[in-house]
Amino acid sequence: QVQLVESGGGLVQAGGSLRLSCAASGSIFRINRVGWYRQTPGNERELVAVTSGSSTNYADSVKGRFTVSRDNAKNTVYMQMNSLNPEDTAVYYCNADVSSYSSGYYYSRVYWGQGTQVTVSS
């Protein structure tokens, strides 16, 4: 089993920055694709950024402001968020496709973290 824990959310003024972390623990052989999503009340979860291998893609709404990085040794993915505006207010979730090894078998599953609240005041 694998656990994902997000952290780094909080309250920030418009124009400010936050860095979110998504730390994976448990039975990890390899972390494959990792996505950052966000959700506001009454709306569907929106894909913000996705990283796989050496490539990362961003939603147009955050391109140039958000940057995703990975520390493979720590099984952690970060998302640096700069120039935040009130429209970025949401609960942010990470989602990871993780390969594990158990009882002689490799398998992959997708996991979600619990989310972290980001609030940007105007």
N, C-alpha and C. Protein backbone atom coordinates (compact mmCIF):
# COMPACT_ATOMS: atom_id res chain seq x y z
N GLN A 1 0.84 -1.19 0.00
CA GLN A 1 0.00 0.00 0.00
C GLN A 1 0.88 1.24 0.00
N VAL A 2 0.36 2.30 -0.60
CA VAL A 2 1.09 3.55 -0.71
C VAL A 2 0.23 4.68 -0.16
N GLN A 3 0.87 5.58 0.53
CA GLN A 3 0.18 6.77 1.04
C GLN A 3 0.80 8.01 0.40
N LEU A 4 -0.08 8.94 0.05
CA LEU A 4 0.35 10.24 -0.45
C LEU A 4 -0.10 11.31 0.54
N VAL A 5 0.82 12.17 0.91
CA VAL A 5 0.49 13.23 1.85
C VAL A 5 0.90 14.56 1.24
N GLU A 6 -0.09 15.44 1.05
CA GLU A 6 0.20 16.78 0.57
C GLU A 6 0.42 17.71 1.76
N SER A 7 1.23 18.70 1.54
CA SER A 7 1.44 19.73 2.54
C SER A 7 1.86 21.01 1.83
N GLY A 8 1.87 22.09 2.60
CA GLY A 8 2.35 23.36 2.05
C GLY A 8 1.26 24.35 1.72
N GLY A 9 0.01 23.94 1.83
CA GLY A 9 -1.06 24.89 1.56
C GLY A 9 -1.16 25.93 2.65
N GLY A 10 -1.99 26.92 2.41
CA GLY A 10 -2.18 27.97 3.40
C GLY A 10 -2.84 29.17 2.81
N LEU A 11 -2.78 30.25 3.54
CA LEU A 11 -3.37 31.53 3.13
C LEU A 11 -2.26 32.47 2.69
N VAL A 12 -2.42 33.05 1.51
CA VAL A 12 -1.41 33.94 0.97
C VAL A 12 -2.10 35.09 0.25
N GLN A 13 -1.45 36.22 0.21
CA GLN A 13 -2.02 37.35 -0.52
C GLN A 13 -1.76 37.20 -2.01
N ALA A 14 -2.60 37.85 -2.79
CA ALA A 14 -2.42 37.84 -4.23
C ALA A 14 -1.01 38.32 -4.58
N GLY A 15 -0.40 37.61 -5.52
CA GLY A 15 0.97 37.91 -5.89
C GLY A 15 2.01 37.10 -5.14
N GLY A 16 1.57 36.42 -4.10
CA GLY A 16 2.47 35.64 -3.27
C GLY A 16 2.76 34.27 -3.85
N SER A 17 3.49 33.49 -3.06
CA SER A 17 3.93 32.17 -3.50
C SER A 17 3.70 31.13 -2.42
N LEU A 18 3.53 29.92 -2.86
CA LEU A 18 3.49 28.76 -1.97
C LEU A 18 4.17 27.60 -2.69
N ARG A 19 4.69 26.68 -1.90
CA ARG A 19 5.23 25.45 -2.47
C ARG A 19 4.51 24.28 -1.84
N LEU A 20 3.83 23.52 -2.68
CA LEU A 20 3.15 22.32 -2.21
C LEU A 20 4.08 21.12 -2.34
N SER A 21 3.91 20.19 -1.43
CA SER A 21 4.68 18.95 -1.47
C SER A 21 3.72 17.77 -1.51
N CYS A 22 4.12 16.75 -2.21
CA CYS A 22 3.36 15.49 -2.25
C CYS A 22 4.36 14.39 -1.96
N ALA A 23 4.29 13.87 -0.76
CA ALA A 23 5.25 12.86 -0.32
C ALA A 23 4.59 11.48 -0.35
N ALA A 24 5.26 10.57 -1.00
CA ALA A 24 4.76 9.21 -1.09
C ALA A 24 5.54 8.30 -0.15
N SER A 25 4.83 7.39 0.47
CA SER A 25 5.49 6.42 1.35
C SER A 25 4.78 5.07 1.22
N GLY A 26 5.51 4.04 1.64
CA GLY A 26 4.92 2.70 1.58
C GLY A 26 5.69 1.82 0.62
N SER A 27 4.97 0.92 0.00
CA SER A 27 5.57 -0.06 -0.88
C SER A 27 5.76 0.53 -2.28
N ILE A 28 6.88 1.22 -2.46
CA ILE A 28 7.13 1.92 -3.72
C ILE A 28 8.31 1.31 -4.46
N PHE A 29 8.06 0.88 -5.67
CA PHE A 29 9.14 0.47 -6.54
C PHE A 29 9.53 1.63 -7.43
N ARG A 30 8.52 2.29 -8.00
CA ARG A 30 8.76 3.45 -8.85
C ARG A 30 7.51 4.32 -8.89
N ILE A 31 7.72 5.61 -8.83
CA ILE A 31 6.62 6.55 -9.03
C ILE A 31 6.60 6.95 -10.49
N ASN A 32 5.51 6.69 -11.14
CA ASN A 32 5.40 6.97 -12.56
C ASN A 32 4.82 8.37 -12.75
N ARG A 33 3.67 8.44 -13.27
CA ARG A 33 3.02 9.71 -13.53
C ARG A 33 2.52 10.32 -12.23
N VAL A 34 2.71 11.62 -12.07
CA VAL A 34 2.18 12.35 -10.93
C VAL A 34 1.44 13.56 -11.45
N GLY A 35 0.24 13.72 -10.96
CA GLY A 35 -0.56 14.86 -11.36
C GLY A 35 -0.96 15.70 -10.16
N TRP A 36 -1.04 16.99 -10.37
CA TRP A 36 -1.59 17.91 -9.39
C TRP A 36 -2.96 18.36 -9.90
N TYR A 37 -3.95 18.29 -9.05
CA TYR A 37 -5.31 18.70 -9.37
C TYR A 37 -5.77 19.72 -8.34
N ARG A 38 -6.80 20.44 -8.70
CA ARG A 38 -7.42 21.33 -7.73
C ARG A 38 -8.93 21.30 -7.92
N GLN A 39 -9.59 21.61 -6.82
CA GLN A 39 -11.06 21.56 -6.83
C GLN A 39 -11.62 22.65 -5.95
N THR A 40 -12.64 23.32 -6.48
CA THR A 40 -13.38 24.31 -5.72
C THR A 40 -14.79 23.77 -5.50
N PRO A 41 -15.47 24.27 -4.48
CA PRO A 41 -16.80 23.75 -4.16
C PRO A 41 -17.75 23.82 -5.35
N GLY A 42 -18.41 22.70 -5.61
CA GLY A 42 -19.38 22.65 -6.68
C GLY A 42 -18.81 22.42 -8.05
N ASN A 43 -17.50 22.28 -8.13
CA ASN A 43 -16.86 22.09 -9.43
C ASN A 43 -16.10 20.77 -9.48
N GLU A 44 -15.85 20.32 -10.67
CA GLU A 44 -15.08 19.10 -10.85
C GLU A 44 -13.60 19.35 -10.59
N ARG A 45 -12.93 18.28 -10.27
CA ARG A 45 -11.49 18.39 -10.06
C ARG A 45 -10.81 18.73 -11.38
N GLU A 46 -9.92 19.69 -11.32
CA GLU A 46 -9.26 20.21 -12.52
C GLU A 46 -7.79 19.81 -12.51
N LEU A 47 -7.31 19.32 -13.63
CA LEU A 47 -5.89 18.99 -13.74
C LEU A 47 -5.08 20.27 -13.88
N VAL A 48 -4.10 20.43 -13.02
CA VAL A 48 -3.26 21.62 -13.03
C VAL A 48 -1.94 21.35 -13.73
N ALA A 49 -1.34 20.21 -13.38
CA ALA A 49 -0.05 19.86 -13.96
C ALA A 49 0.13 18.36 -13.87
N VAL A 50 0.88 17.81 -14.80
CA VAL A 50 1.18 16.40 -14.77
C VAL A 50 2.62 16.19 -15.19
N THR A 51 3.31 15.35 -14.44
CA THR A 51 4.70 15.09 -14.75
C THR A 51 4.90 13.58 -14.91
N SER A 52 5.65 13.24 -15.93
CA SER A 52 5.94 11.84 -16.22
C SER A 52 7.31 11.78 -16.85
N GLY A 53 8.20 11.03 -16.21
CA GLY A 53 9.57 11.01 -16.71
C GLY A 53 10.18 12.39 -16.62
N SER A 54 10.69 12.86 -17.72
CA SER A 54 11.35 14.16 -17.73
C SER A 54 10.45 15.28 -18.25
N SER A 55 9.22 14.97 -18.54
CA SER A 55 8.33 15.99 -19.09
C SER A 55 7.23 16.37 -18.11
N THR A 56 6.85 17.62 -18.17
CA THR A 56 5.76 18.15 -17.35
C THR A 56 4.89 19.03 -18.22
N ASN A 57 3.60 18.87 -18.07
CA ASN A 57 2.65 19.70 -18.79
C ASN A 57 1.78 20.45 -17.80
N TYR A 58 1.43 21.65 -18.18
CA TYR A 58 0.68 22.53 -17.29
C TYR A 58 -0.60 22.99 -17.96
N ALA A 59 -1.61 23.21 -17.13
CA ALA A 59 -2.82 23.84 -17.63
C ALA A 59 -2.48 25.27 -18.05
N ASP A 60 -3.19 25.76 -19.04
CA ASP A 60 -2.92 27.11 -19.53
C ASP A 60 -3.05 28.16 -18.42
N SER A 61 -3.95 27.91 -17.49
CA SER A 61 -4.21 28.89 -16.44
C SER A 61 -3.04 29.06 -15.48
N VAL A 62 -2.13 28.10 -15.44
CA VAL A 62 -1.01 28.19 -14.49
C VAL A 62 0.35 28.21 -15.19
N LYS A 63 0.34 28.06 -16.50
CA LYS A 63 1.59 28.00 -17.24
C LYS A 63 2.39 29.28 -17.02
N GLY A 64 3.66 29.11 -16.71
CA GLY A 64 4.53 30.25 -16.45
C GLY A 64 4.53 30.70 -15.01
N ARG A 65 3.58 30.20 -14.22
CA ARG A 65 3.51 30.59 -12.81
C ARG A 65 3.81 29.41 -11.88
N PHE A 66 3.42 28.21 -12.29
CA PHE A 66 3.61 27.02 -11.47
C PHE A 66 4.73 26.18 -12.07
N THR A 67 5.52 25.57 -11.19
CA THR A 67 6.60 24.71 -11.65
C THR A 67 6.63 23.45 -10.79
N VAL A 68 6.64 22.32 -11.46
CA VAL A 68 6.67 21.03 -10.77
C VAL A 68 8.09 20.47 -10.79
N SER A 69 8.52 19.94 -9.67
CA SER A 69 9.83 19.30 -9.60
C SER A 69 9.71 18.01 -8.78
N ARG A 70 10.70 17.18 -8.90
CA ARG A 70 10.67 15.89 -8.22
C ARG A 70 11.99 15.65 -7.50
N ASP A 71 11.87 15.04 -6.32
CA ASP A 71 13.04 14.54 -5.61
C ASP A 71 12.82 13.03 -5.49
N ASN A 72 13.39 12.29 -6.43
CA ASN A 72 13.13 10.86 -6.46
C ASN A 72 13.67 10.14 -5.23
N ALA A 73 14.75 10.65 -4.68
CA ALA A 73 15.32 10.02 -3.48
C ALA A 73 14.36 10.11 -2.30
N LYS A 74 13.56 11.15 -2.28
CA LYS A 74 12.60 11.35 -1.19
C LYS A 74 11.19 10.94 -1.58
N ASN A 75 11.03 10.44 -2.80
CA ASN A 75 9.67 10.09 -3.29
C ASN A 75 8.70 11.25 -3.10
N THR A 76 9.16 12.41 -3.44
CA THR A 76 8.37 13.63 -3.22
C THR A 76 8.34 14.46 -4.50
N VAL A 77 7.16 14.98 -4.76
CA VAL A 77 6.96 15.89 -5.88
C VAL A 77 6.52 17.23 -5.32
N TYR A 78 7.08 18.28 -5.86
CA TYR A 78 6.77 19.63 -5.40
C TYR A 78 6.08 20.41 -6.51
N MET A 79 5.30 21.37 -6.11
CA MET A 79 4.75 22.32 -7.06
C MET A 79 4.93 23.73 -6.49
N GLN A 80 5.83 24.46 -7.11
CA GLN A 80 6.07 25.84 -6.73
C GLN A 80 5.04 26.71 -7.43
N MET A 81 4.30 27.48 -6.66
CA MET A 81 3.23 28.31 -7.21
C MET A 81 3.58 29.77 -6.94
N ASN A 82 3.80 30.50 -8.01
CA ASN A 82 4.14 31.92 -7.91
C ASN A 82 3.04 32.78 -8.50
N SER A 83 3.10 34.04 -8.20
CA SER A 83 2.12 35.00 -8.73
C SER A 83 0.69 34.51 -8.55
N LEU A 84 0.41 34.06 -7.35
CA LEU A 84 -0.91 33.51 -7.07
C LEU A 84 -1.98 34.59 -7.14
N ASN A 85 -3.15 34.20 -7.61
CA ASN A 85 -4.29 35.10 -7.64
C ASN A 85 -5.49 34.41 -7.02
N PRO A 86 -6.53 35.16 -6.69
CA PRO A 86 -7.68 34.55 -6.00
C PRO A 86 -8.31 33.37 -6.75
N GLU A 87 -8.17 33.37 -8.07
CA GLU A 87 -8.72 32.26 -8.86
C GLU A 87 -7.97 30.94 -8.62
N ASP A 88 -6.84 31.01 -7.98
CA ASP A 88 -6.09 29.80 -7.65
C ASP A 88 -6.56 29.17 -6.34
N THR A 89 -7.46 29.83 -5.65
CA THR A 89 -7.98 29.30 -4.41
C THR A 89 -8.72 27.99 -4.67
N ALA A 90 -8.31 26.94 -3.96
CA ALA A 90 -8.89 25.62 -4.16
C ALA A 90 -8.25 24.65 -3.19
N VAL A 91 -8.80 23.46 -3.13
CA VAL A 91 -8.11 22.35 -2.48
C VAL A 91 -7.26 21.67 -3.55
N TYR A 92 -6.00 21.51 -3.26
CA TYR A 92 -5.08 20.91 -4.21
C TYR A 92 -4.78 19.46 -3.81
N TYR A 93 -4.85 18.60 -4.80
CA TYR A 93 -4.62 17.18 -4.58
C TYR A 93 -3.48 16.69 -5.48
N CYS A 94 -2.73 15.74 -4.96
CA CYS A 94 -1.81 15.05 -5.86
C CYS A 94 -2.32 13.64 -6.11
N ASN A 95 -1.97 13.16 -7.24
CA ASN A 95 -2.42 11.88 -7.74
C ASN A 95 -1.19 11.21 -8.35
N ALA A 96 -0.93 9.97 -7.94
CA ALA A 96 0.28 9.32 -8.42
C ALA A 96 0.00 7.90 -8.88
N ASP A 97 0.59 7.59 -9.99
CA ASP A 97 0.59 6.21 -10.51
C ASP A 97 1.89 5.57 -10.00
N VAL A 98 1.75 4.61 -9.10
CA VAL A 98 2.91 4.05 -8.42
C VAL A 98 3.03 2.56 -8.72
N SER A 99 4.23 2.15 -9.06
CA SER A 99 4.51 0.73 -9.24
C SER A 99 5.06 0.17 -7.93
N SER A 100 4.55 -0.98 -7.55
CA SER A 100 4.99 -1.65 -6.32
C SER A 100 5.36 -3.08 -6.63
N TYR A 101 6.03 -3.70 -5.68
CA TYR A 101 6.44 -5.09 -5.83
C TYR A 101 6.02 -5.84 -4.57
N SER A 102 5.33 -6.95 -4.77
CA SER A 102 4.89 -7.73 -3.63
C SER A 102 4.68 -9.18 -4.03
N SER A 103 5.23 -10.07 -3.23
CA SER A 103 5.03 -11.50 -3.45
C SER A 103 5.39 -11.93 -4.86
N GLY A 104 6.46 -11.36 -5.37
CA GLY A 104 6.95 -11.77 -6.68
C GLY A 104 6.29 -11.09 -7.85
N TYR A 105 5.40 -10.16 -7.61
CA TYR A 105 4.68 -9.50 -8.68
C TYR A 105 4.86 -7.98 -8.61
N TYR A 106 4.95 -7.39 -9.80
CA TYR A 106 4.91 -5.95 -9.90
C TYR A 106 3.47 -5.55 -10.26
N TYR A 107 3.03 -4.48 -9.72
CA TYR A 107 1.71 -3.98 -10.06
C TYR A 107 1.70 -2.46 -9.92
N SER A 108 0.79 -1.83 -10.61
CA SER A 108 0.67 -0.38 -10.54
C SER A 108 -0.74 0.01 -10.11
N ARG A 109 -0.80 1.02 -9.29
CA ARG A 109 -2.08 1.55 -8.83
C ARG A 109 -1.99 3.07 -8.80
N VAL A 110 -3.16 3.67 -8.82
CA VAL A 110 -3.24 5.12 -8.73
C VAL A 110 -3.73 5.50 -7.33
N TYR A 111 -3.06 6.45 -6.74
CA TYR A 111 -3.38 6.88 -5.39
C TYR A 111 -3.65 8.38 -5.37
N TRP A 112 -4.47 8.79 -4.42
CA TRP A 112 -4.77 10.19 -4.19
C TRP A 112 -4.33 10.60 -2.79
N GLY A 113 -3.87 11.81 -2.67
CA GLY A 113 -3.63 12.37 -1.36
C GLY A 113 -4.91 12.94 -0.79
N GLN A 114 -4.81 13.47 0.42
CA GLN A 114 -6.00 13.96 1.13
C GLN A 114 -6.33 15.39 0.77
N GLY A 115 -5.42 16.07 0.11
CA GLY A 115 -5.66 17.45 -0.30
C GLY A 115 -5.12 18.46 0.69
N THR A 116 -4.78 19.61 0.17
CA THR A 116 -4.33 20.72 1.00
C THR A 116 -4.97 22.01 0.48
N GLN A 117 -5.46 22.80 1.41
CA GLN A 117 -6.21 24.01 1.03
C GLN A 117 -5.25 25.15 0.70
N VAL A 118 -5.49 25.77 -0.42
CA VAL A 118 -4.77 26.99 -0.80
C VAL A 118 -5.79 28.11 -0.92
N THR A 119 -5.58 29.17 -0.19
CA THR A 119 -6.48 30.32 -0.23
C THR A 119 -5.66 31.56 -0.56
N VAL A 120 -6.07 32.25 -1.60
CA VAL A 120 -5.38 33.46 -2.03
C VAL A 120 -6.32 34.64 -1.83
N SER A 121 -5.91 35.57 -1.02
CA SER A 121 -6.75 36.74 -0.74
C SER A 121 -6.39 37.88 -1.69
N SER A 122 -7.38 38.68 -2.00
CA SER A 122 -7.15 39.79 -2.94
C SER A 122 -6.71 41.06 -2.23
